[in-house]
Amino acid sequence: MELMTDEMADFNTAVLELQKISEQLVKLSIPISTEALEKTLHVFLKKQEEENWLKNEVLKGIEMKIKHARLIPDYLLILFGTLGIISLGLLGYFWYTVQKIEDEKFEIYRMVMESESANYKEYFSKNPEIKADYCQWLEGEK
């Protein structure tokens, strides 16, 4: 019986200790309310909204870069433009020099023909019988 009373006393002390710990737990426990949940959710949603805004700004920047992007850079356009102008200038210069050379050739040809014509006239005026034969020969070729 003594053993049983000792065991009951130990059990009783253990129950009392459990009650004390249970009361402390009830006092220490943090009550979960909707207010704390809403506050935490609001903070999370705010952070998420800021991140979305930053992403949208980055995407807008990329879109603007794509809209203003060029397939051919400016320096290549300038380079090809100057090469085109230089080539047109050279073509014009060469065409002008060719025309001048042709004009000079034609002038020399005209001078030769006039001098030959003058020589023929002088020769034919000195030898009229040869002129008649020459005219006859020209008509025979036609």
Protein backbone atom coordinates (compact mmCIF):
# COMPACT_ATOMS: atom_id res chain seq x y z
CA MET A 1 0.00 0.00 0.00
CA GLU A 2 2.80 2.30 0.70
CA LEU A 3 4.07 1.76 -2.73
CA MET A 4 0.75 2.63 -4.15
CA THR A 5 0.46 5.80 -2.12
CA ASP A 6 3.94 6.81 -3.23
CA GLU A 7 2.98 6.17 -6.83
CA MET A 8 -0.22 8.14 -6.46
CA ALA A 9 1.63 11.01 -4.89
CA ASP A 10 4.14 11.00 -7.74
CA PHE A 11 1.30 10.83 -10.24
CA ASN A 12 -0.45 13.73 -8.51
CA THR A 13 2.72 15.88 -8.62
CA ALA A 14 3.19 15.01 -12.27
CA VAL A 15 -0.38 16.05 -13.06
CA LEU A 16 0.11 19.34 -11.19
CA GLU A 17 3.29 20.02 -13.15
CA LEU A 18 1.49 19.26 -16.41
CA GLN A 19 -1.28 21.69 -15.45
CA LYS A 20 1.28 24.42 -14.76
CA ILE A 21 3.03 23.80 -18.08
CA SER A 22 -0.33 23.74 -19.88
CA GLU A 23 -1.30 27.08 -18.34
CA GLN A 24 2.05 28.54 -19.36
CA LEU A 25 1.55 27.26 -22.88
CA VAL A 26 -1.89 28.85 -23.07
CA LYS A 27 -0.41 32.15 -21.86
CA LEU A 28 2.60 31.92 -24.22
CA SER A 29 0.77 30.82 -27.34
CA ILE A 30 0.30 33.51 -29.99
CA PRO A 31 -3.25 33.76 -31.08
CA ILE A 32 -3.57 33.69 -34.88
CA SER A 33 -5.98 36.36 -35.94
CA THR A 34 -7.13 37.47 -39.40
CA GLU A 35 -5.58 40.88 -38.76
CA ALA A 36 -2.05 39.44 -38.60
CA LEU A 37 -2.72 37.33 -41.70
CA GLU A 38 -4.05 40.34 -43.61
CA LYS A 39 -1.04 42.42 -42.61
CA THR A 40 1.39 39.72 -43.72
CA LEU A 41 -0.53 39.19 -46.96
CA HIS A 42 -0.61 42.95 -47.62
CA VAL A 43 3.17 43.19 -47.20
CA PHE A 44 3.68 40.23 -49.54
CA LEU A 45 1.34 41.67 -52.15
CA LYS A 46 3.09 45.05 -51.93
CA LYS A 47 6.48 43.43 -52.56
CA GLN A 48 5.06 41.44 -55.44
CA GLU A 49 3.51 44.59 -56.94
CA GLU A 50 6.87 46.40 -56.77
CA GLU A 51 8.61 43.48 -58.47
CA ASN A 52 5.97 43.45 -61.22
CA TRP A 53 6.39 47.20 -61.70
CA LEU A 54 10.16 46.78 -62.05
CA LYS A 55 9.68 43.95 -64.55
CA ASN A 56 7.26 46.10 -66.56
CA GLU A 57 9.77 48.97 -66.62
CA VAL A 58 12.49 46.65 -67.89
CA LEU A 59 10.15 45.26 -70.57
CA LYS A 60 9.17 48.78 -71.67
CA GLY A 61 12.86 49.67 -71.99
CA ILE A 62 13.46 46.58 -74.10
CA GLU A 63 10.46 47.40 -76.31
CA MET A 64 11.73 50.95 -76.87
CA LYS A 65 15.18 49.62 -77.80
CA ILE A 66 13.61 47.18 -80.24
CA LYS A 67 11.43 49.89 -81.82
CA HIS A 68 14.40 52.22 -82.31
CA ALA A 69 16.85 49.51 -83.35
CA ARG A 70 18.29 49.72 -86.86
CA LEU A 71 19.32 46.91 -89.08
CA ILE A 72 22.22 48.90 -90.53
CA PRO A 73 24.28 51.07 -88.17
CA ASP A 74 24.68 54.80 -88.85
CA TYR A 75 28.39 54.62 -89.58
CA LEU A 76 27.76 52.10 -92.39
CA LEU A 77 25.13 54.37 -93.93
CA ILE A 78 27.57 57.29 -93.81
CA LEU A 79 30.35 55.14 -95.28
CA PHE A 80 28.21 53.87 -98.17
CA GLY A 81 26.82 57.37 -98.78
CA THR A 82 30.28 58.90 -99.08
CA LEU A 83 31.47 56.03 -101.29
CA GLY A 84 28.43 56.55 -103.52
CA ILE A 85 29.06 60.29 -103.80
CA ILE A 86 32.76 59.74 -104.56
CA SER A 87 31.98 57.09 -107.19
CA LEU A 88 29.40 59.36 -108.86
CA GLY A 89 31.92 62.19 -108.87
CA LEU A 90 34.57 59.96 -110.45
CA LEU A 91 32.12 58.71 -113.07
CA GLY A 92 31.19 62.28 -113.93
CA TYR A 93 34.83 63.30 -114.13
CA PHE A 94 35.75 60.35 -116.38
CA TRP A 95 32.71 60.96 -118.62
CA TYR A 96 33.72 64.62 -118.94
CA THR A 97 37.34 63.72 -119.82
CA VAL A 98 36.16 61.15 -122.40
CA GLN A 99 33.88 63.76 -123.97
CA LYS A 100 36.77 66.25 -124.08
CA ILE A 101 39.07 63.66 -125.70
CA GLU A 102 36.39 62.80 -128.28
CA ASP A 103 35.87 66.49 -129.04
CA GLU A 104 39.62 66.93 -129.49
CA LYS A 105 39.77 63.87 -131.77
CA PHE A 106 36.89 65.19 -133.82
CA GLU A 107 38.57 68.61 -134.06
CA ILE A 108 41.85 67.01 -135.20
CA TYR A 109 39.95 64.86 -137.70
CA ARG A 110 38.15 67.94 -139.05
CA MET A 111 41.44 69.83 -139.37
CA VAL A 112 43.04 66.89 -141.21
CA MET A 113 40.06 66.59 -143.52
CA GLU A 114 40.09 70.32 -144.23
CA SER A 115 43.82 70.28 -144.92
CA GLU A 116 43.43 67.21 -147.16
CA SER A 117 40.52 68.85 -148.89
CA ALA A 118 42.59 71.96 -149.44
CA ASN A 119 45.47 69.82 -150.75
CA TYR A 120 43.08 67.92 -153.08
CA LYS A 121 41.57 71.15 -154.36
CA GLU A 122 45.00 72.58 -155.03
CA TYR A 123 46.12 69.36 -156.75
CA PHE A 124 42.93 69.09 -158.80
CA SER A 125 43.15 72.77 -159.81
CA LYS A 126 46.64 72.12 -161.17
CA ASN A 127 45.59 68.86 -162.89
CA PRO A 128 41.98 69.15 -164.17
CA GLU A 129 42.17 65.94 -166.28
CA ILE A 130 42.89 63.86 -163.16
CA LYS A 131 39.94 65.51 -161.41
CA ALA A 132 37.61 64.39 -164.20
CA ASP A 133 38.95 60.83 -164.01
CA TYR A 134 38.60 60.87 -160.21
CA CYS A 135 34.97 62.05 -160.41
CA GLN A 136 34.24 59.34 -162.97
CA TRP A 137 35.83 56.72 -160.72
CA LEU A 138 33.73 57.92 -157.70
CA GLU A 139 30.51 57.64 -159.73
CA GLY A 140 31.48 54.16 -160.87
CA GLU A 141 31.86 52.95 -157.27
CA LYS A 142 28.41 54.14 -156.28
